[in-house]
Amino acid sequence: MRILVIATAVVALTAASAQAQMGGRRQPGNEAPKADNKPKVDEKAYKAALERIPDPKEKYDPWSGARPSEPAKKPK
């Protein structure tokens, strides 16, 4: 009888942990209405901010540390 109780407890705990990992079932009417907390994007301000970004003077080379620098060009 003791073995049966222990086996039932082990099965119940295993099933409970598996249920917790799967998230369980949710009832369709219990969800709270979601509030729209996203800020509104102003297109004019976005485009104005993009125009204020200065153009780079030199082209960025992400591989500059991986390959040797260009040899100095010899004048002709």
PDB file of N, CA and C in Angstrom:
ATOM      1  N   MET A   1       0.821  -1.190   0.000  1.00  0.00           N
ATOM      2  CA  MET A   1       0.000   0.000   0.000  1.00  0.00           C
ATOM      3  C   MET A   1       0.867   1.257   0.000  1.00  0.00           C
ATOM      4  N   ARG A   2       1.978   1.222   0.761  1.00  0.00           N
ATOM      5  CA  ARG A   2       2.863   2.367   0.834  1.00  0.00           C
ATOM      6  C   ARG A   2       3.481   2.653  -0.540  1.00  0.00           C
ATOM      7  N   ILE A   3       3.841   1.611  -1.270  1.00  0.00           N
ATOM      8  CA  ILE A   3       4.435   1.770  -2.599  1.00  0.00           C
ATOM      9  C   ILE A   3       3.434   2.413  -3.556  1.00  0.00           C
ATOM     10  N   LEU A   4       2.176   2.038  -3.453  1.00  0.00           N
ATOM     11  CA  LEU A   4       1.140   2.613  -4.317  1.00  0.00           C
ATOM     12  C   LEU A   4       0.966   4.111  -4.051  1.00  0.00           C
ATOM     13  N   VAL A   5       0.999   4.516  -2.778  1.00  0.00           N
ATOM     14  CA  VAL A   5       0.864   5.934  -2.422  1.00  0.00           C
ATOM     15  C   VAL A   5       2.070   6.722  -2.930  1.00  0.00           C
ATOM     16  N   ILE A   6       3.259   6.185  -2.763  1.00  0.00           N
ATOM     17  CA  ILE A   6       4.475   6.864  -3.222  1.00  0.00           C
ATOM     18  C   ILE A   6       4.481   6.972  -4.746  1.00  0.00           C
ATOM     19  N   ALA A   7       4.094   5.907  -5.439  1.00  0.00           N
ATOM     20  CA  ALA A   7       4.049   5.942  -6.901  1.00  0.00           C
ATOM     21  C   ALA A   7       3.022   6.965  -7.392  1.00  0.00           C
ATOM     22  N   THR A   8       1.873   7.044  -6.727  1.00  0.00           N
ATOM     23  CA  THR A   8       0.847   8.023  -7.105  1.00  0.00           C
ATOM     24  C   THR A   8       1.355   9.446  -6.879  1.00  0.00           C
ATOM     25  N   ALA A   9       2.069   9.664  -5.780  1.00  0.00           N
ATOM     26  CA  ALA A   9       2.612  10.991  -5.499  1.00  0.00           C
ATOM     27  C   ALA A   9       3.659  11.386  -6.540  1.00  0.00           C
ATOM     28  N   VAL A  10       4.511  10.457  -6.924  1.00  0.00           N
ATOM     29  CA  VAL A  10       5.539  10.744  -7.930  1.00  0.00           C
ATOM     30  C   VAL A  10       4.896  11.091  -9.273  1.00  0.00           C
ATOM     31  N   VAL A  11       3.884  10.337  -9.666  1.00  0.00           N
ATOM     32  CA  VAL A  11       3.194  10.601 -10.932  1.00  0.00           C
ATOM     33  C   VAL A  11       2.489  11.955 -10.876  1.00  0.00           C
ATOM     34  N   ALA A  12       1.867  12.272  -9.752  1.00  0.00           N
ATOM     35  CA  ALA A  12       1.159  13.549  -9.609  1.00  0.00           C
ATOM     36  C   ALA A  12       2.136  14.722  -9.676  1.00  0.00           C
ATOM     37  N   LEU A  13       3.280  14.610  -9.008  1.00  0.00           N
ATOM     38  CA  LEU A  13       4.271  15.688  -9.042  1.00  0.00           C
ATOM     39  C   LEU A  13       4.872  15.853 -10.435  1.00  0.00           C
ATOM     40  N   THR A  14       5.096  14.755 -11.122  1.00  0.00           N
ATOM     41  CA  THR A  14       5.628  14.827 -12.483  1.00  0.00           C
ATOM     42  C   THR A  14       4.634  15.503 -13.416  1.00  0.00           C
ATOM     43  N   ALA A  15       3.365  15.138 -13.280  1.00  0.00           N
ATOM     44  CA  ALA A  15       2.334  15.730 -14.126  1.00  0.00           C
ATOM     45  C   ALA A  15       2.167  17.212 -13.797  1.00  0.00           C
ATOM     46  N   ALA A  16       2.281  17.582 -12.526  1.00  0.00           N
ATOM     47  CA  ALA A  16       2.132  18.985 -12.128  1.00  0.00           C
ATOM     48  C   ALA A  16       3.267  19.833 -12.686  1.00  0.00           C
ATOM     49  N   SER A  17       4.486  19.310 -12.674  1.00  0.00           N
ATOM     50  CA  SER A  17       5.606  20.087 -13.210  1.00  0.00           C
ATOM     51  C   SER A  17       5.503  20.203 -14.728  1.00  0.00           C
ATOM     52  N   ALA A  18       5.035  19.155 -15.379  1.00  0.00           N
ATOM     53  CA  ALA A  18       4.860  19.234 -16.829  1.00  0.00           C
ATOM     54  C   ALA A  18       3.756  20.227 -17.178  1.00  0.00           C
ATOM     55  N   GLN A  19       2.704  20.265 -16.378  1.00  0.00           N
ATOM     56  CA  GLN A  19       1.612  21.216 -16.604  1.00  0.00           C
ATOM     57  C   GLN A  19       2.129  22.642 -16.411  1.00  0.00           C
ATOM     58  N   ALA A  20       2.989  22.863 -15.433  1.00  0.00           N
ATOM     59  CA  ALA A  20       3.532  24.194 -15.178  1.00  0.00           C
ATOM     60  C   ALA A  20       4.442  24.636 -16.318  1.00  0.00           C
ATOM     61  N   GLN A  21       5.185  23.717 -16.896  1.00  0.00           N
ATOM     62  CA  GLN A  21       6.071  24.073 -18.001  1.00  0.00           C
ATOM     63  C   GLN A  21       5.306  24.407 -19.266  1.00  0.00           C
ATOM     64  N   MET A  22       4.164  23.780 -19.449  1.00  0.00           N
ATOM     65  CA  MET A  22       3.371  24.028 -20.649  1.00  0.00           C
ATOM     66  C   MET A  22       2.516  25.289 -20.529  1.00  0.00           C
ATOM     67  N   GLY A  23       2.430  25.864 -19.359  1.00  0.00           N
ATOM     68  CA  GLY A  23       1.685  27.097 -19.199  1.00  0.00           C
ATOM     69  C   GLY A  23       0.257  26.879 -18.756  1.00  0.00           C
ATOM     70  N   GLY A  24      -0.241  25.701 -18.796  1.00  0.00           N
ATOM     71  CA  GLY A  24      -1.599  25.431 -18.343  1.00  0.00           C
ATOM     72  C   GLY A  24      -2.629  25.939 -19.327  1.00  0.00           C
ATOM     73  N   ARG A  25      -3.879  25.675 -19.011  1.00  0.00           N
ATOM     74  CA  ARG A  25      -4.971  26.141 -19.871  1.00  0.00           C
ATOM     75  C   ARG A  25      -5.488  27.462 -19.337  1.00  0.00           C
ATOM     76  N   ARG A  26      -5.841  28.341 -20.208  1.00  0.00           N
ATOM     77  CA  ARG A  26      -6.372  29.632 -19.808  1.00  0.00           C
ATOM     78  C   ARG A  26      -7.822  29.734 -20.250  1.00  0.00           C
ATOM     79  N   GLN A  27      -8.616  30.273 -19.398  1.00  0.00           N
ATOM     80  CA  GLN A  27     -10.017  30.476 -19.725  1.00  0.00           C
ATOM     81  C   GLN A  27     -10.142  31.717 -20.611  1.00  0.00           C
ATOM     82  N   PRO A  28     -10.975  31.673 -21.658  1.00  0.00           N
ATOM     83  CA  PRO A  28     -11.028  32.786 -22.609  1.00  0.00           C
ATOM     84  C   PRO A  28     -11.555  34.090 -22.027  1.00  0.00           C
ATOM     85  N   GLY A  29     -12.307  34.090 -20.941  1.00  0.00           N
ATOM     86  CA  GLY A  29     -12.891  35.324 -20.428  1.00  0.00           C
ATOM     87  C   GLY A  29     -12.088  35.984 -19.326  1.00  0.00           C
ATOM     88  N   ASN A  30     -10.970  35.422 -18.904  1.00  0.00           N
ATOM     89  CA  ASN A  30     -10.235  35.944 -17.753  1.00  0.00           C
ATOM     90  C   ASN A  30      -9.148  36.950 -18.111  1.00  0.00           C
ATOM     91  N   GLU A  31      -8.920  37.222 -19.357  1.00  0.00           N
ATOM     92  CA  GLU A  31      -7.844  38.123 -19.737  1.00  0.00           C
ATOM     93  C   GLU A  31      -8.262  39.574 -19.554  1.00  0.00           C
ATOM     94  N   ALA A  32      -7.359  40.368 -19.023  1.00  0.00           N
ATOM     95  CA  ALA A  32      -7.622  41.797 -18.853  1.00  0.00           C
ATOM     96  C   ALA A  32      -7.433  42.497 -20.196  1.00  0.00           C
ATOM     97  N   PRO A  33      -8.181  43.542 -20.454  1.00  0.00           N
ATOM     98  CA  PRO A  33      -7.983  44.263 -21.712  1.00  0.00           C
ATOM     99  C   PRO A  33      -6.595  44.895 -21.745  1.00  0.00           C
ATOM    100  N   LYS A  34      -5.952  44.774 -22.871  1.00  0.00           N
ATOM    101  CA  LYS A  34      -4.588  45.285 -23.010  1.00  0.00           C
ATOM    102  C   LYS A  34      -4.623  46.782 -23.296  1.00  0.00           C
ATOM    103  N   ALA A  35      -3.814  47.514 -22.570  1.00  0.00           N
ATOM    104  CA  ALA A  35      -3.718  48.955 -22.784  1.00  0.00           C
ATOM    105  C   ALA A  35      -2.657  49.219 -23.844  1.00  0.00           C
ATOM    106  N   ASP A  36      -2.918  50.167 -24.707  1.00  0.00           N
ATOM    107  CA  ASP A  36      -1.974  50.522 -25.763  1.00  0.00           C
ATOM    108  C   ASP A  36      -0.980  51.534 -25.199  1.00  0.00           C
ATOM    109  N   ASN A  37       0.175  51.033 -24.746  1.00  0.00           N
ATOM    110  CA  ASN A  37       1.171  51.891 -24.124  1.00  0.00           C
ATOM    111  C   ASN A  37       2.267  52.318 -25.089  1.00  0.00           C
ATOM    112  N   LYS A  38       2.128  51.992 -26.370  1.00  0.00           N
ATOM    113  CA  LYS A  38       3.157  52.358 -27.329  1.00  0.00           C
ATOM    114  C   LYS A  38       3.069  53.851 -27.644  1.00  0.00           C
ATOM    115  N   PRO A  39       4.212  54.536 -27.679  1.00  0.00           N
ATOM    116  CA  PRO A  39       4.163  55.951 -28.045  1.00  0.00           C
ATOM    117  C   PRO A  39       3.867  56.097 -29.538  1.00  0.00           C
ATOM    118  N   LYS A  40       3.170  57.118 -29.882  1.00  0.00           N
ATOM    119  CA  LYS A  40       2.833  57.375 -31.277  1.00  0.00           C
ATOM    120  C   LYS A  40       4.064  57.942 -31.988  1.00  0.00           C
ATOM    121  N   VAL A  41       4.309  57.471 -33.183  1.00  0.00           N
ATOM    122  CA  VAL A  41       5.469  57.904 -33.950  1.00  0.00           C
ATOM    123  C   VAL A  41       5.047  59.085 -34.817  1.00  0.00           C
ATOM    124  N   ASP A  42       5.794  60.170 -34.694  1.00  0.00           N
ATOM    125  CA  ASP A  42       5.531  61.361 -35.490  1.00  0.00           C
ATOM    126  C   ASP A  42       6.432  61.297 -36.721  1.00  0.00           C
ATOM    127  N   GLU A  43       5.847  61.119 -37.884  1.00  0.00           N
ATOM    128  CA  GLU A  43       6.623  60.934 -39.119  1.00  0.00           C
ATOM    129  C   GLU A  43       7.474  62.155 -39.443  1.00  0.00           C
ATOM    130  N   LYS A  44       6.939  63.348 -39.252  1.00  0.00           N
ATOM    131  CA  LYS A  44       7.700  64.560 -39.570  1.00  0.00           C
ATOM    132  C   LYS A  44       8.922  64.686 -38.672  1.00  0.00           C
ATOM    133  N   ALA A  45       8.762  64.405 -37.393  1.00  0.00           N
ATOM    134  CA  ALA A  45       9.889  64.492 -36.468  1.00  0.00           C
ATOM    135  C   ALA A  45      10.929  63.421 -36.788  1.00  0.00           C
ATOM    136  N   TYR A  46      10.475  62.244 -37.186  1.00  0.00           N
ATOM    137  CA  TYR A  46      11.392  61.166 -37.543  1.00  0.00           C
ATOM    138  C   TYR A  46      12.238  61.546 -38.753  1.00  0.00           C
ATOM    139  N   LYS A  47      11.598  62.074 -39.787  1.00  0.00           N
ATOM    140  CA  LYS A  47      12.330  62.463 -40.994  1.00  0.00           C
ATOM    141  C   LYS A  47      13.253  63.637 -40.727  1.00  0.00           C
ATOM    142  N   ALA A  48      12.837  64.569 -39.870  1.00  0.00           N
ATOM    143  CA  ALA A  48      13.695  65.703 -39.524  1.00  0.00           C
ATOM    144  C   ALA A  48      14.922  65.219 -38.750  1.00  0.00           C
ATOM    145  N   ALA A  49      14.744  64.242 -37.888  1.00  0.00           N
ATOM    146  CA  ALA A  49      15.879  63.706 -37.137  1.00  0.00           C
ATOM    147  C   ALA A  49      16.847  62.980 -38.062  1.00  0.00           C
ATOM    148  N   LEU A  50      16.333  62.278 -39.070  1.00  0.00           N
ATOM    149  CA  LEU A  50      17.214  61.600 -40.029  1.00  0.00           C
ATOM    150  C   LEU A  50      18.014  62.605 -40.843  1.00  0.00           C
ATOM    151  N   GLU A  51      17.429  63.732 -41.156  1.00  0.00           N
ATOM    152  CA  GLU A  51      18.138  64.746 -41.938  1.00  0.00           C
ATOM    153  C   GLU A  51      19.238  65.414 -41.117  1.00  0.00           C
ATOM    154  N   ARG A  52      19.113  65.434 -39.791  1.00  0.00           N
ATOM    155  CA  ARG A  52      20.127  66.078 -38.945  1.00  0.00           C
ATOM    156  C   ARG A  52      21.355  65.200 -38.743  1.00  0.00           C
ATOM    157  N   ILE A  53      21.305  63.943 -39.129  1.00  0.00           N
ATOM    158  CA  ILE A  53      22.464  63.060 -38.989  1.00  0.00           C
ATOM    159  C   ILE A  53      23.502  63.465 -40.024  1.00  0.00           C
ATOM    160  N   PRO A  54      24.716  63.806 -39.578  1.00  0.00           N
ATOM    161  CA  PRO A  54      25.732  64.247 -40.544  1.00  0.00           C
ATOM    162  C   PRO A  54      26.248  63.090 -41.391  1.00  0.00           C
ATOM    163  N   ASP A  55      26.663  63.397 -42.610  1.00  0.00           N
ATOM    164  CA  ASP A  55      27.258  62.388 -43.479  1.00  0.00           C
ATOM    165  C   ASP A  55      28.691  62.132 -43.022  1.00  0.00           C
ATOM    166  N   PRO A  56      29.136  60.868 -43.025  1.00  0.00           N
ATOM    167  CA  PRO A  56      30.503  60.587 -42.592  1.00  0.00           C
ATOM    168  C   PRO A  56      31.517  61.103 -43.613  1.00  0.00           C
ATOM    169  N   LYS A  57      32.663  61.550 -43.100  1.00  0.00           N
ATOM    170  CA  LYS A  57      33.709  62.072 -43.986  1.00  0.00           C
ATOM    171  C   LYS A  57      34.476  60.926 -44.638  1.00  0.00           C
ATOM    172  N   GLU A  58      34.675  59.850 -43.889  1.00  0.00           N
ATOM    173  CA  GLU A  58      35.359  58.681 -44.424  1.00  0.00           C
ATOM    174  C   GLU A  58      34.402  57.503 -44.408  1.00  0.00           C
ATOM    175  N   LYS A  59      34.592  56.613 -45.357  1.00  0.00           N
ATOM    176  CA  LYS A  59      33.769  55.413 -45.386  1.00  0.00           C
ATOM    177  C   LYS A  59      34.236  54.480 -44.272  1.00  0.00           C
ATOM    178  N   TYR A  60      33.296  53.966 -43.490  1.00  0.00           N
ATOM    179  CA  TYR A  60      33.622  53.075 -42.389  1.00  0.00           C
ATOM    180  C   TYR A  60      33.966  51.695 -42.929  1.00  0.00           C
ATOM    181  N   ASP A  61      35.091  51.148 -42.448  1.00  0.00           N
ATOM    182  CA  ASP A  61      35.531  49.824 -42.865  1.00  0.00           C
ATOM    183  C   ASP A  61      35.574  48.908 -41.645  1.00  0.00           C
ATOM    184  N   PRO A  62      34.575  48.034 -41.484  1.00  0.00           N
ATOM    185  CA  PRO A  62      34.565  47.170 -40.312  1.00  0.00           C
ATOM    186  C   PRO A  62      35.670  46.115 -40.320  1.00  0.00           C
ATOM    187  N   TRP A  63      36.274  45.842 -41.462  1.00  0.00           N
ATOM    188  CA  TRP A  63      37.323  44.826 -41.572  1.00  0.00           C
ATOM    189  C   TRP A  63      38.727  45.439 -41.528  1.00  0.00           C
ATOM    190  N   SER A  64      38.849  46.676 -41.127  1.00  0.00           N
ATOM    191  CA  SER A  64      40.153  47.321 -41.160  1.00  0.00           C
ATOM    192  C   SER A  64      41.156  46.670 -40.215  1.00  0.00           C
ATOM    193  N   GLY A  65      40.705  46.102 -39.115  1.00  0.00           N
ATOM    194  CA  GLY A  65      41.623  45.447 -38.187  1.00  0.00           C
ATOM    195  C   GLY A  65      41.971  44.035 -38.600  1.00  0.00           C
ATOM    196  N   ALA A  66      41.233  43.448 -39.532  1.00  0.00           N
ATOM    197  CA  ALA A  66      41.452  42.059 -39.915  1.00  0.00           C
ATOM    198  C   ALA A  66      42.405  41.922 -41.093  1.00  0.00           C
ATOM    199  N   ARG A  67      42.542  42.951 -41.864  1.00  0.00           N
ATOM    200  CA  ARG A  67      43.448  42.867 -43.013  1.00  0.00           C
ATOM    201  C   ARG A  67      44.486  43.994 -42.911  1.00  0.00           C
ATOM    202  N   PRO A  68      45.620  43.814 -43.549  1.00  0.00           N
ATOM    203  CA  PRO A  68      46.660  44.849 -43.452  1.00  0.00           C
ATOM    204  C   PRO A  68      46.209  46.131 -44.142  1.00  0.00           C
ATOM    205  N   SER A  69      46.767  47.211 -43.662  1.00  0.00           N
ATOM    206  CA  SER A  69      46.426  48.498 -44.257  1.00  0.00           C
ATOM    207  C   SER A  69      46.973  48.578 -45.679  1.00  0.00           C
ATOM    208  N   GLU A  70      46.390  49.443 -46.458  1.00  0.00           N
ATOM    209  CA  GLU A  70      46.812  49.576 -47.851  1.00  0.00           C
ATOM    210  C   GLU A  70      48.212  50.169 -47.904  1.00  0.00           C
ATOM    211  N   PRO A  71      49.072  49.632 -48.773  1.00  0.00           N
ATOM    212  CA  PRO A  71      50.409  50.201 -48.875  1.00  0.00           C
ATOM    213  C   PRO A  71      50.331  51.606 -49.470  1.00  0.00           C
ATOM    214  N   ALA A  72      51.304  52.414 -49.089  1.00  0.00           N
ATOM    215  CA  ALA A  72      51.338  53.788 -49.587  1.00  0.00           C
ATOM    216  C   ALA A  72      51.546  53.760 -51.097  1.00  0.00           C
ATOM    217  N   LYS A  73      50.768  54.548 -51.789  1.00  0.00           N
ATOM    218  CA  LYS A  73      50.871  54.574 -53.250  1.00  0.00           C
ATOM    219  C   LYS A  73      52.098  55.406 -53.652  1.00  0.00           C
ATOM    220  N   LYS A  74      52.861  54.849 -54.573  1.00  0.00           N
ATOM    221  CA  LYS A  74      54.058  55.545 -55.025  1.00  0.00           C
ATOM    222  C   LYS A  74      53.687  56.554 -56.101  1.00  0.00           C
ATOM    223  N   PRO A  75      54.148  57.770 -55.991  1.00  0.00           N
ATOM    224  CA  PRO A  75      53.863  58.738 -57.054  1.00  0.00           C
ATOM    225  C   PRO A  75      54.639  58.373 -58.311  1.00  0.00           C
ATOM    226  N   LYS A  76      54.060  58.626 -59.443  1.00  0.00           N
ATOM    227  CA  LYS A  76      54.726  58.297 -60.712  1.00  0.00           C
ATOM    228  C   LYS A  76      55.563  59.413 -61.213  1.00  0.00           C
TER     229      LYS A  76
END
